[in-house]
Amino acid sequence: LGVMTIGAHAAEFGSAAEAKAMFEKAVAAVKADKAKAIAAFNAGTDGFKDRDLYPFCANAADGVFTAHPKLAGKSLKELKDKEGEALGEAILSTAKEGKVDEVDYKWPRPGTDAPVQKVSYVTKVGDQVCAVGYYK
């Protein structure tokens, strides 16, 4: 019997598939009970925090974050990535009800300053634009 080892990189960070699974779970949670879902996202409970994976949401109308580990209450609309790209605008304009899209941008991993490629799955759920991103 061979033992397959997964590199530290794979175990340390969430994969695209894990991000997509969390995203789908987050969307279902918002549809079921928005207030409870937003509270869980902000607290990182109910399985909504896994290494570098977490859902974030903003009001579709004004672009203010309703859920984010560090940016809740701040403007997603004004958010730019580390290369000055208007990433918040891209997420808000891309998100459509009943449709999942991907937005690519440069963002540092938690606890670092160096921007790396990140992809977020985004959608609109009622009055919320929600996403889960993973690092490539």
Foldseek 3Di string as FASTA:
>chain_A
DDDDDDDPVPQQFDDPVRQVVLQVVLLVVCQVPVVVSQVCQQVVPPVQDDRQKHKWKAFLPQQATSGDPPRHRHHLQCDAAPVRHRQSVVQSVVAEAPDWDKDWDWHDGPPDHGTAIKIWTWYDRVRMIMIIMTGD
